[in-house]
Amino acid sequence: MSWIILIVSGVLEAVWATALGKSTGFTRLWPSVVFAVALVLSMGGLAVAMRDISTGTAYAVWVGIGAALTVLYAMIFGGEPASLLKIVLILGLVGCVVGLKFVDAAH
């Protein structure tokens, strides 16, 4: 269950990071509200997941999921240029996150 909570928390990290950008320095109400709610839920989920998953692994997986999804969202919807190299690097990041899950499960 901790891994599911961690994955959802990583997705919420991408939500709050994207909302933060869309809040334009907290000058827009709804993106700012989405940021605050997603931030609290994301951090809370990370804290719960860290009861059973080591701190280093949990944090790396959380950040990796959030970073990969934030970049993908920006490439698809936000006008950030996509390239084959960026996609390969994101896949590498995802591969490392999956690897950390298997390494943590072995211990």
PDB file of N, CA and C in Angstrom:
ATOM      1  N   MET A   1       0.811  -1.194   0.000  1.00  0.00           N
ATOM      2  CA  MET A   1       0.000   0.000   0.000  1.00  0.00           C
ATOM      3  C   MET A   1       0.859   1.266   0.000  1.00  0.00           C
ATOM      4  N   SER A   2       2.007   1.211   0.678  1.00  0.00           N
ATOM      5  CA  SER A   2       2.884   2.376   0.748  1.00  0.00           C
ATOM      6  C   SER A   2       3.363   2.801  -0.628  1.00  0.00           C
ATOM      7  N   TRP A   3       3.610   1.826  -1.508  1.00  0.00           N
ATOM      8  CA  TRP A   3       4.065   2.167  -2.858  1.00  0.00           C
ATOM      9  C   TRP A   3       2.967   2.846  -3.655  1.00  0.00           C
ATOM     10  N   ILE A   4       1.749   2.434  -3.469  1.00  0.00           N
ATOM     11  CA  ILE A   4       0.634   3.086  -4.168  1.00  0.00           C
ATOM     12  C   ILE A   4       0.492   4.527  -3.679  1.00  0.00           C
ATOM     13  N   ILE A   5       0.572   4.714  -2.367  1.00  0.00           N
ATOM     14  CA  ILE A   5       0.499   6.059  -1.801  1.00  0.00           C
ATOM     15  C   ILE A   5       1.646   6.917  -2.333  1.00  0.00           C
ATOM     16  N   LEU A   6       2.834   6.342  -2.424  1.00  0.00           N
ATOM     17  CA  LEU A   6       3.991   7.078  -2.925  1.00  0.00           C
ATOM     18  C   LEU A   6       3.804   7.478  -4.386  1.00  0.00           C
ATOM     19  N   ILE A   7       3.294   6.583  -5.194  1.00  0.00           N
ATOM     20  CA  ILE A   7       3.071   6.888  -6.608  1.00  0.00           C
ATOM     21  C   ILE A   7       2.025   8.005  -6.755  1.00  0.00           C
ATOM     22  N   VAL A   8       0.935   7.904  -6.012  1.00  0.00           N
ATOM     23  CA  VAL A   8      -0.088   8.959  -6.063  1.00  0.00           C
ATOM     24  C   VAL A   8       0.505  10.286  -5.589  1.00  0.00           C
ATOM     25  N   SER A   9       1.335  10.242  -4.568  1.00  0.00           N
ATOM     26  CA  SER A   9       1.978  11.458  -4.074  1.00  0.00           C
ATOM     27  C   SER A   9       2.915  12.054  -5.114  1.00  0.00           C
ATOM     28  N   GLY A  10       3.591  11.201  -5.879  1.00  0.00           N
ATOM     29  CA  GLY A  10       4.443  11.685  -6.960  1.00  0.00           C
ATOM     30  C   GLY A  10       3.640  12.353  -8.059  1.00  0.00           C
ATOM     31  N   VAL A  11       2.487  11.789  -8.368  1.00  0.00           N
ATOM     32  CA  VAL A  11       1.592  12.407  -9.357  1.00  0.00           C
ATOM     33  C   VAL A  11       1.123  13.767  -8.833  1.00  0.00           C
ATOM     34  N   LEU A  12       0.778  13.825  -7.555  1.00  0.00           N
ATOM     35  CA  LEU A  12       0.356  15.099  -6.969  1.00  0.00           C
ATOM     36  C   LEU A  12       1.483  16.119  -6.946  1.00  0.00           C
ATOM     37  N   GLU A  13       2.712  15.658  -6.887  1.00  0.00           N
ATOM     38  CA  GLU A  13       3.844  16.594  -6.978  1.00  0.00           C
ATOM     39  C   GLU A  13       3.835  17.283  -8.339  1.00  0.00           C
ATOM     40  N   ALA A  14       3.584  16.510  -9.388  1.00  0.00           N
ATOM     41  CA  ALA A  14       3.493  17.106 -10.727  1.00  0.00           C
ATOM     42  C   ALA A  14       2.325  18.081 -10.807  1.00  0.00           C
ATOM     43  N   VAL A  15       1.234  17.766 -10.125  1.00  0.00           N
ATOM     44  CA  VAL A  15       0.068  18.661 -10.120  1.00  0.00           C
ATOM     45  C   VAL A  15       0.427  19.981  -9.453  1.00  0.00           C
ATOM     46  N   TRP A  16       1.048  19.915  -8.266  1.00  0.00           N
ATOM     47  CA  TRP A  16       1.349  21.174  -7.580  1.00  0.00           C
ATOM     48  C   TRP A  16       2.431  21.965  -8.299  1.00  0.00           C
ATOM     49  N   ALA A  17       3.395  21.297  -8.905  1.00  0.00           N
ATOM     50  CA  ALA A  17       4.436  22.023  -9.644  1.00  0.00           C
ATOM     51  C   ALA A  17       3.831  22.751 -10.847  1.00  0.00           C
ATOM     52  N   THR A  18       2.938  22.077 -11.559  1.00  0.00           N
ATOM     53  CA  THR A  18       2.286  22.693 -12.703  1.00  0.00           C
ATOM     54  C   THR A  18       1.379  23.838 -12.257  1.00  0.00           C
ATOM     55  N   ALA A  19       0.621  23.623 -11.187  1.00  0.00           N
ATOM     56  CA  ALA A  19      -0.262  24.679 -10.674  1.00  0.00           C
ATOM     57  C   ALA A  19       0.542  25.880 -10.192  1.00  0.00           C
ATOM     58  N   LEU A  20       1.700  25.635  -9.614  1.00  0.00           N
ATOM     59  CA  LEU A  20       2.549  26.729  -9.163  1.00  0.00           C
ATOM     60  C   LEU A  20       2.938  27.619 -10.340  1.00  0.00           C
ATOM     61  N   GLY A  21       3.316  26.995 -11.444  1.00  0.00           N
ATOM     62  CA  GLY A  21       3.646  27.764 -12.639  1.00  0.00           C
ATOM     63  C   GLY A  21       2.460  28.547 -13.176  1.00  0.00           C
ATOM     64  N   LYS A  22       1.296  27.929 -13.133  1.00  0.00           N
ATOM     65  CA  LYS A  22       0.086  28.574 -13.658  1.00  0.00           C
ATOM     66  C   LYS A  22      -0.473  29.641 -12.708  1.00  0.00           C
ATOM     67  N   SER A  23      -0.005  29.646 -11.467  1.00  0.00           N
ATOM     68  CA  SER A  23      -0.503  30.631 -10.498  1.00  0.00           C
ATOM     69  C   SER A  23       0.089  32.019 -10.729  1.00  0.00           C
ATOM     70  N   THR A  24       1.104  32.101 -11.557  1.00  0.00           N
ATOM     71  CA  THR A  24       1.759  33.375 -11.863  1.00  0.00           C
ATOM     72  C   THR A  24       2.128  34.110 -10.578  1.00  0.00           C
ATOM     73  N   GLY A  25       2.938  33.435  -9.767  1.00  0.00           N
ATOM     74  CA  GLY A  25       3.379  34.047  -8.510  1.00  0.00           C
ATOM     75  C   GLY A  25       2.265  34.248  -7.508  1.00  0.00           C
ATOM     76  N   PHE A  26       1.338  33.307  -7.476  1.00  0.00           N
ATOM     77  CA  PHE A  26       0.185  33.323  -6.564  1.00  0.00           C
ATOM     78  C   PHE A  26      -0.740  34.511  -6.815  1.00  0.00           C
ATOM     79  N   THR A  27      -0.793  34.991  -8.045  1.00  0.00           N
ATOM     80  CA  THR A  27      -1.702  36.088  -8.379  1.00  0.00           C
ATOM     81  C   THR A  27      -3.014  35.579  -8.965  1.00  0.00           C
ATOM     82  N   ARG A  28      -3.095  34.288  -9.284  1.00  0.00           N
ATOM     83  CA  ARG A  28      -4.330  33.702  -9.819  1.00  0.00           C
ATOM     84  C   ARG A  28      -4.886  32.738  -8.771  1.00  0.00           C
ATOM     85  N   LEU A  29      -6.153  32.922  -8.431  1.00  0.00           N
ATOM     86  CA  LEU A  29      -6.760  32.198  -7.304  1.00  0.00           C
ATOM     87  C   LEU A  29      -6.768  30.691  -7.483  1.00  0.00           C
ATOM     88  N   TRP A  30      -7.419  30.180  -8.540  1.00  0.00           N
ATOM     89  CA  TRP A  30      -7.643  28.731  -8.623  1.00  0.00           C
ATOM     90  C   TRP A  30      -6.362  27.924  -8.800  1.00  0.00           C
ATOM     91  N   PRO A  31      -5.416  28.359  -9.626  1.00  0.00           N
ATOM     92  CA  PRO A  31      -4.155  27.614  -9.653  1.00  0.00           C
ATOM     93  C   PRO A  31      -3.438  27.639  -8.299  1.00  0.00           C
ATOM     94  N   SER A  32      -3.576  28.733  -7.562  1.00  0.00           N
ATOM     95  CA  SER A  32      -2.967  28.820  -6.231  1.00  0.00           C
ATOM     96  C   SER A  32      -3.631  27.858  -5.255  1.00  0.00           C
ATOM     97  N   VAL A  33      -4.959  27.729  -5.346  1.00  0.00           N
ATOM     98  CA  VAL A  33      -5.692  26.789  -4.488  1.00  0.00           C
ATOM     99  C   VAL A  33      -5.301  25.354  -4.841  1.00  0.00           C
ATOM    100  N   VAL A  34      -5.255  25.032  -6.132  1.00  0.00           N
ATOM    101  CA  VAL A  34      -4.852  23.687  -6.567  1.00  0.00           C
ATOM    102  C   VAL A  34      -3.439  23.398  -6.074  1.00  0.00           C
ATOM    103  N   PHE A  35      -2.548  24.379  -6.188  1.00  0.00           N
ATOM    104  CA  PHE A  35      -1.179  24.212  -5.687  1.00  0.00           C
ATOM    105  C   PHE A  35      -1.180  23.840  -4.211  1.00  0.00           C
ATOM    106  N   ALA A  36      -1.895  24.613  -3.392  1.00  0.00           N
ATOM    107  CA  ALA A  36      -1.866  24.387  -1.942  1.00  0.00           C
ATOM    108  C   ALA A  36      -2.435  23.017  -1.564  1.00  0.00           C
ATOM    109  N   VAL A  37      -3.555  22.659  -2.161  1.00  0.00           N
ATOM    110  CA  VAL A  37      -4.182  21.370  -1.838  1.00  0.00           C
ATOM    111  C   VAL A  37      -3.289  20.213  -2.294  1.00  0.00           C
ATOM    112  N   ALA A  38      -2.790  20.289  -3.518  1.00  0.00           N
ATOM    113  CA  ALA A  38      -1.938  19.211  -4.034  1.00  0.00           C
ATOM    114  C   ALA A  38      -0.639  19.109  -3.241  1.00  0.00           C
ATOM    115  N   LEU A  39      -0.098  20.251  -2.823  1.00  0.00           N
ATOM    116  CA  LEU A  39       1.135  20.241  -2.037  1.00  0.00           C
ATOM    117  C   LEU A  39       0.943  19.524  -0.711  1.00  0.00           C
ATOM    118  N   VAL A  40      -0.135  19.871  -0.014  1.00  0.00           N
ATOM    119  CA  VAL A  40      -0.395  19.240   1.287  1.00  0.00           C
ATOM    120  C   VAL A  40      -0.624  17.741   1.122  1.00  0.00           C
ATOM    121  N   LEU A  41      -1.437  17.362   0.141  1.00  0.00           N
ATOM    122  CA  LEU A  41      -1.710  15.934  -0.074  1.00  0.00           C
ATOM    123  C   LEU A  41      -0.453  15.183  -0.510  1.00  0.00           C
ATOM    124  N   SER A  42       0.348  15.807  -1.363  1.00  0.00           N
ATOM    125  CA  SER A  42       1.563  15.167  -1.843  1.00  0.00           C
ATOM    126  C   SER A  42       2.559  14.944  -0.709  1.00  0.00           C
ATOM    127  N   MET A  43       2.789  15.978   0.078  1.00  0.00           N
ATOM    128  CA  MET A  43       3.725  15.861   1.210  1.00  0.00           C
ATOM    129  C   MET A  43       3.203  14.887   2.262  1.00  0.00           C
ATOM    130  N   GLY A  44       1.901  14.945   2.518  1.00  0.00           N
ATOM    131  CA  GLY A  44       1.314  14.014   3.479  1.00  0.00           C
ATOM    132  C   GLY A  44       1.454  12.578   3.033  1.00  0.00           C
ATOM    133  N   GLY A  45       1.198  12.329   1.752  1.00  0.00           N
ATOM    134  CA  GLY A  45       1.362  10.974   1.222  1.00  0.00           C
ATOM    135  C   GLY A  45       2.798  10.514   1.279  1.00  0.00           C
ATOM    136  N   LEU A  46       3.722  11.415   0.976  1.00  0.00           N
ATOM    137  CA  LEU A  46       5.147  11.064   1.074  1.00  0.00           C
ATOM    138  C   LEU A  46       5.490  10.674   2.505  1.00  0.00           C
ATOM    139  N   ALA A  47       5.003  11.438   3.462  1.00  0.00           N
ATOM    140  CA  ALA A  47       5.276  11.132   4.870  1.00  0.00           C
ATOM    141  C   ALA A  47       4.721   9.770   5.269  1.00  0.00           C
ATOM    142  N   VAL A  48       3.501   9.463   4.828  1.00  0.00           N
ATOM    143  CA  VAL A  48       2.895   8.166   5.149  1.00  0.00           C
ATOM    144  C   VAL A  48       3.690   7.037   4.498  1.00  0.00           C
ATOM    145  N   ALA A  49       4.069   7.215   3.242  1.00  0.00           N
ATOM    146  CA  ALA A  49       4.818   6.175   2.528  1.00  0.00           C
ATOM    147  C   ALA A  49       6.166   5.918   3.187  1.00  0.00           C
ATOM    148  N   MET A  50       6.756   6.956   3.763  1.00  0.00           N
ATOM    149  CA  MET A  50       8.078   6.807   4.384  1.00  0.00           C
ATOM    150  C   MET A  50       8.040   6.016   5.691  1.00  0.00           C
ATOM    151  N   ARG A  51       6.858   5.634   6.136  1.00  0.00           N
ATOM    152  CA  ARG A  51       6.772   4.735   7.291  1.00  0.00           C
ATOM    153  C   ARG A  51       7.330   3.359   6.929  1.00  0.00           C
ATOM    154  N   ASP A  52       7.139   2.951   5.658  1.00  0.00           N
ATOM    155  CA  ASP A  52       7.540   1.613   5.232  1.00  0.00           C
ATOM    156  C   ASP A  52       8.641   1.608   4.179  1.00  0.00           C
ATOM    157  N   ILE A  53       8.893   2.738   3.551  1.00  0.00           N
ATOM    158  CA  ILE A  53       9.898   2.825   2.490  1.00  0.00           C
ATOM    159  C   ILE A  53      11.011   3.730   2.996  1.00  0.00           C
ATOM    160  N   SER A  54      12.246   3.341   2.769  1.00  0.00           N
ATOM    161  CA  SER A  54      13.363   4.138   3.261  1.00  0.00           C
ATOM    162  C   SER A  54      13.306   5.558   2.699  1.00  0.00           C
ATOM    163  N   THR A  55      13.805   6.497   3.480  1.00  0.00           N
ATOM    164  CA  THR A  55      13.724   7.913   3.131  1.00  0.00           C
ATOM    165  C   THR A  55      14.340   8.206   1.769  1.00  0.00           C
ATOM    166  N   GLY A  56      15.547   7.730   1.535  1.00  0.00           N
ATOM    167  CA  GLY A  56      16.231   8.005   0.270  1.00  0.00           C
ATOM    168  C   GLY A  56      15.468   7.469  -0.925  1.00  0.00           C
ATOM    169  N   THR A  57      14.997   6.252  -0.821  1.00  0.00           N
ATOM    170  CA  THR A  57      14.253   5.643  -1.920  1.00  0.00           C
ATOM    171  C   THR A  57      12.925   6.353  -2.132  1.00  0.00           C
ATOM    172  N   ALA A  58      12.192   6.600  -1.049  1.00  0.00           N
ATOM    173  CA  ALA A  58      10.883   7.255  -1.172  1.00  0.00           C
ATOM    174  C   ALA A  58      11.026   8.638  -1.797  1.00  0.00           C
ATOM    175  N   TYR A  59      11.985   9.403  -1.333  1.00  0.00           N
ATOM    176  CA  TYR A  59      12.152  10.758  -1.856  1.00  0.00           C
ATOM    177  C   TYR A  59      12.569  10.732  -3.323  1.00  0.00           C
ATOM    178  N   ALA A  60      13.495   9.860  -3.670  1.00  0.00           N
ATOM    179  CA  ALA A  60      13.950   9.773  -5.062  1.00  0.00           C
ATOM    180  C   ALA A  60      12.807   9.357  -5.997  1.00  0.00           C
ATOM    181  N   VAL A  61      12.007   8.408  -5.575  1.00  0.00           N
ATOM    182  CA  VAL A  61      10.875   7.958  -6.392  1.00  0.00           C
ATOM    183  C   VAL A  61       9.846   9.081  -6.512  1.00  0.00           C
ATOM    184  N   TRP A  62       9.548   9.748  -5.416  1.00  0.00           N
ATOM    185  CA  TRP A  62       8.581  10.850  -5.403  1.00  0.00           C
ATOM    186  C   TRP A  62       9.009  11.971  -6.351  1.00  0.00           C
ATOM    187  N   VAL A  63      10.257  12.374  -6.227  1.00  0.00           N
ATOM    188  CA  VAL A  63      10.780  13.437  -7.097  1.00  0.00           C
ATOM    189  C   VAL A  63      10.833  12.977  -8.550  1.00  0.00           C
ATOM    190  N   GLY A  64      11.259  11.739  -8.777  1.00  0.00           N
ATOM    191  CA  GLY A  64      11.365  11.225 -10.143  1.00  0.00           C
ATOM    192  C   GLY A  64      10.021  11.195 -10.854  1.00  0.00           C
ATOM    193  N   ILE A  65       9.005  10.707 -10.163  1.00  0.00           N
ATOM    194  CA  ILE A  65       7.663  10.670 -10.753  1.00  0.00           C
ATOM    195  C   ILE A  65       7.180  12.086 -11.033  1.00  0.00           C
ATOM    196  N   GLY A  66       7.331  12.956 -10.056  1.00  0.00           N
ATOM    197  CA  GLY A  66       6.886  14.337 -10.221  1.00  0.00           C
ATOM    198  C   GLY A  66       7.610  15.054 -11.347  1.00  0.00           C
ATOM    199  N   ALA A  67       8.921  14.882 -11.418  1.00  0.00           N
ATOM    200  CA  ALA A  67       9.696  15.547 -12.463  1.00  0.00           C
ATOM    201  C   ALA A  67       9.326  15.034 -13.848  1.00  0.00           C
ATOM    202  N   ALA A  68       9.234  13.721 -13.991  1.00  0.00           N
ATOM    203  CA  ALA A  68       8.918  13.137 -15.298  1.00  0.00           C
ATOM    204  C   ALA A  68       7.532  13.592 -15.775  1.00  0.00           C
ATOM    205  N   LEU A  69       6.551  13.544 -14.899  1.00  0.00           N
ATOM    206  CA  LEU A  69       5.197  13.938 -15.293  1.00  0.00           C
ATOM    207  C   LEU A  69       5.092  15.435 -15.561  1.00  0.00           C
ATOM    208  N   THR A  70       5.812  16.245 -14.796  1.00  0.00           N
ATOM    209  CA  THR A  70       5.785  17.687 -15.013  1.00  0.00           C
ATOM    210  C   THR A  70       6.359  18.037 -16.383  1.00  0.00           C
ATOM    211  N   VAL A  71       7.470  17.427 -16.737  1.00  0.00           N
ATOM    212  CA  VAL A  71       8.077  17.689 -18.049  1.00  0.00           C
ATOM    213  C   VAL A  71       7.178  17.176 -19.165  1.00  0.00           C
ATOM    214  N   LEU A  72       6.625  15.977 -19.010  1.00  0.00           N
ATOM    215  CA  LEU A  72       5.730  15.446 -20.040  1.00  0.00           C
ATOM    216  C   LEU A  72       4.507  16.340 -20.232  1.00  0.00           C
ATOM    217  N   TYR A  73       3.909  16.783 -19.143  1.00  0.00           N
ATOM    218  CA  TYR A  73       2.746  17.663 -19.234  1.00  0.00           C
ATOM    219  C   TYR A  73       3.115  18.953 -19.968  1.00  0.00           C
ATOM    220  N   ALA A  74       4.261  19.514 -19.610  1.00  0.00           N
ATOM    221  CA  ALA A  74       4.690  20.762 -20.250  1.00  0.00           C
ATOM    222  C   ALA A  74       4.959  20.560 -21.740  1.00  0.00           C
ATOM    223  N   MET A  75       5.490  19.408 -22.111  1.00  0.00           N
ATOM    224  CA  MET A  75       5.734  19.149 -23.525  1.00  0.00           C
ATOM    225  C   MET A  75       4.426  18.947 -24.287  1.00  0.00           C
ATOM    226  N   ILE A  76       3.444  18.322 -23.655  1.00  0.00           N
ATOM    227  CA  ILE A  76       2.181  18.032 -24.338  1.00  0.00           C
ATOM    228  C   ILE A  76       1.261  19.249 -24.356  1.00  0.00           C
ATOM    229  N   PHE A  77       1.134  19.939 -23.210  1.00  0.00           N
ATOM    230  CA  PHE A  77       0.139  21.003 -23.093  1.00  0.00           C
ATOM    231  C   PHE A  77       0.714  22.403 -22.892  1.00  0.00           C
ATOM    232  N   GLY A  78       1.950  22.497 -22.457  1.00  0.00           N
ATOM    233  CA  GLY A  78       2.471  23.794 -22.043  1.00  0.00           C
ATOM    234  C   GLY A  78       3.391  24.484 -23.014  1.00  0.00           C
ATOM    235  N   GLY A  79       3.561  23.935 -24.170  1.00  0.00           N
ATOM    236  CA  GLY A  79       4.386  24.609 -25.159  1.00  0.00           C
ATOM    237  C   GLY A  79       5.876  24.392 -24.999  1.00  0.00           C
ATOM    238  N   GLU A  80       6.297  23.532 -24.078  1.00  0.00           N
ATOM    239  CA  GLU A  80       7.730  23.228 -23.963  1.00  0.00           C
ATOM    240  C   GLU A  80       8.120  22.335 -25.138  1.00  0.00           C
ATOM    241  N   PRO A  81       9.200  22.673 -25.819  1.00  0.00           N
ATOM    242  CA  PRO A  81       9.585  21.871 -26.977  1.00  0.00           C
ATOM    243  C   PRO A  81       9.930  20.428 -26.594  1.00  0.00           C
ATOM    244  N   ALA A  82       9.446  19.501 -27.384  1.00  0.00           N
ATOM    245  CA  ALA A  82       9.758  18.080 -27.183  1.00  0.00           C
ATOM    246  C   ALA A  82      10.879  17.695 -28.135  1.00  0.00           C
ATOM    247  N   SER A  83      11.660  16.748 -27.682  1.00  0.00           N
ATOM    248  CA  SER A  83      12.708  16.214 -28.551  1.00  0.00           C
ATOM    249  C   SER A  83      12.903  14.746 -28.202  1.00  0.00           C
ATOM    250  N   LEU A  84      13.475  14.025 -29.116  1.00  0.00           N
ATOM    251  CA  LEU A  84      13.759  12.615 -28.874  1.00  0.00           C
ATOM    252  C   LEU A  84      14.679  12.456 -27.670  1.00  0.00           C
ATOM    253  N   LEU A  85      15.655  13.325 -27.544  1.00  0.00           N
ATOM    254  CA  LEU A  85      16.589  13.237 -26.418  1.00  0.00           C
ATOM    255  C   LEU A  85      15.862  13.444 -25.085  1.00  0.00           C
ATOM    256  N   LYS A  86      14.963  14.416 -25.013  1.00  0.00           N
ATOM    257  CA  LYS A  86      14.199  14.632 -23.775  1.00  0.00           C
ATOM    258  C   LYS A  86      13.375  13.400 -23.428  1.00  0.00           C
ATOM    259  N   ILE A  87      12.738  12.822 -24.416  1.00  0.00           N
ATOM    260  CA  ILE A  87      11.910  11.639 -24.171  1.00  0.00           C
ATOM    261  C   ILE A  87      12.760  10.475 -23.692  1.00  0.00           C
ATOM    262  N   VAL A  88      13.924  10.282 -24.300  1.00  0.00           N
ATOM    263  CA  VAL A  88      14.838   9.207 -23.872  1.00  0.00           C
ATOM    264  C   VAL A  88      15.293   9.452 -22.434  1.00  0.00           C
ATOM    265  N   LEU A  89      15.605  10.694 -22.097  1.00  0.00           N
ATOM    266  CA  LEU A  89      16.051  11.003 -20.740  1.00  0.00           C
ATOM    267  C   LEU A  89      14.929  10.798 -19.718  1.00  0.00           C
ATOM    268  N   ILE A  90      13.707  11.159 -20.076  1.00  0.00           N
ATOM    269  CA  ILE A  90      12.571  10.914 -19.181  1.00  0.00           C
ATOM    270  C   ILE A  90      12.368   9.413 -18.978  1.00  0.00           C
ATOM    271  N   LEU A  91      12.479   8.650 -20.038  1.00  0.00           N
ATOM    272  CA  LEU A  91      12.367   7.190 -19.914  1.00  0.00           C
ATOM    273  C   LEU A  91      13.475   6.635 -19.023  1.00  0.00           C
ATOM    274  N   GLY A  92      14.663   7.210 -19.125  1.00  0.00           N
ATOM    275  CA  GLY A  92      15.755   6.802 -18.236  1.00  0.00           C
ATOM    276  C   GLY A  92      15.436   7.102 -16.786  1.00  0.00           C
ATOM    277  N   LEU A  93      14.840   8.269 -16.540  1.00  0.00           N
ATOM    278  CA  LEU A  93      14.434   8.639 -15.195  1.00  0.00           C
ATOM    279  C   LEU A  93      13.395   7.667 -14.653  1.00  0.00           C
ATOM    280  N   VAL A  94      12.410   7.344 -15.476  1.00  0.00           N
ATOM    281  CA  VAL A  94      11.379   6.383 -15.077  1.00  0.00           C
ATOM    282  C   VAL A  94      12.005   5.013 -14.801  1.00  0.00           C
ATOM    283  N   GLY A  95      12.946   4.617 -15.638  1.00  0.00           N
ATOM    284  CA  GLY A  95      13.646   3.350 -15.424  1.00  0.00           C
ATOM    285  C   GLY A  95      14.385   3.326 -14.095  1.00  0.00           C
ATOM    286  N   CYS A  96      14.993   4.441 -13.733  1.00  0.00           N
ATOM    287  CA  CYS A  96      15.694   4.520 -12.446  1.00  0.00           C
ATOM    288  C   CYS A  96      14.721   4.431 -11.277  1.00  0.00           C
ATOM    289  N   VAL A  97      13.557   5.065 -11.413  1.00  0.00           N
ATOM    290  CA  VAL A  97      12.537   4.995 -10.369  1.00  0.00           C
ATOM    291  C   VAL A  97      12.064   3.558 -10.182  1.00  0.00           C
ATOM    292  N   VAL A  98      11.811   2.865 -11.273  1.00  0.00           N
ATOM    293  CA  VAL A  98      11.389   1.466 -11.203  1.00  0.00           C
ATOM    294  C   VAL A  98      12.514   0.627 -10.565  1.00  0.00           C
ATOM    295  N   GLY A  99      13.729   0.898 -10.961  1.00  0.00           N
ATOM    296  CA  GLY A  99      14.873   0.184 -10.369  1.00  0.00           C
ATOM    297  C   GLY A  99      14.966   0.375  -8.875  1.00  0.00           C
ATOM    298  N   LEU A 100      14.736   1.592  -8.397  1.00  0.00           N
ATOM    299  CA  LEU A 100      14.776   1.847  -6.961  1.00  0.00           C
ATOM    300  C   LEU A 100      13.702   1.058  -6.228  1.00  0.00           C
ATOM    301  N   LYS A 101      12.553   0.885  -6.849  1.00  0.00           N
ATOM    302  CA  LYS A 101      11.488   0.093  -6.228  1.00  0.00           C
ATOM    303  C   LYS A 101      11.944  -1.344  -6.030  1.00  0.00           C
ATOM    304  N   PHE A 102      12.604  -1.907  -7.041  1.00  0.00           N
ATOM    305  CA  PHE A 102      13.059  -3.296  -6.936  1.00  0.00           C
ATOM    306  C   PHE A 102      14.213  -3.448  -5.962  1.00  0.00           C
ATOM    307  N   VAL A 103      15.100  -2.466  -5.917  1.00  0.00           N
ATOM    308  CA  VAL A 103      16.210  -2.514  -4.970  1.00  0.00           C
ATOM    309  C   VAL A 103      15.687  -2.404  -3.541  1.00  0.00           C
ATOM    310  N   ASP A 104      14.719  -1.525  -3.318  1.00  0.00           N
ATOM    311  CA  ASP A 104      14.153  -1.366  -1.985  1.00  0.00           C
ATOM    312  C   ASP A 104      13.406  -2.619  -1.562  1.00  0.00           C
ATOM    313  N   ALA A 105      12.717  -3.275  -2.522  1.00  0.00           N
ATOM    314  CA  ALA A 105      11.976  -4.495  -2.187  1.00  0.00           C
ATOM    315  C   ALA A 105      12.916  -5.628  -1.790  1.00  0.00           C
ATOM    316  N   ALA A 106      14.143  -5.591  -2.290  1.00  0.00           N
ATOM    317  CA  ALA A 106      15.105  -6.651  -1.995  1.00  0.00           C
ATOM    318  C   ALA A 106      15.661  -6.545  -0.582  1.00  0.00           C
ATOM    319  N   HIS A 107      15.471  -5.406   0.067  1.00  0.00           N
ATOM    320  CA  HIS A 107      16.051  -5.218   1.400  1.00  0.00           C
ATOM    321  C   HIS A 107      15.025  -5.326   2.475  1.00  0.00           C
TER     322      HIS A 107
END
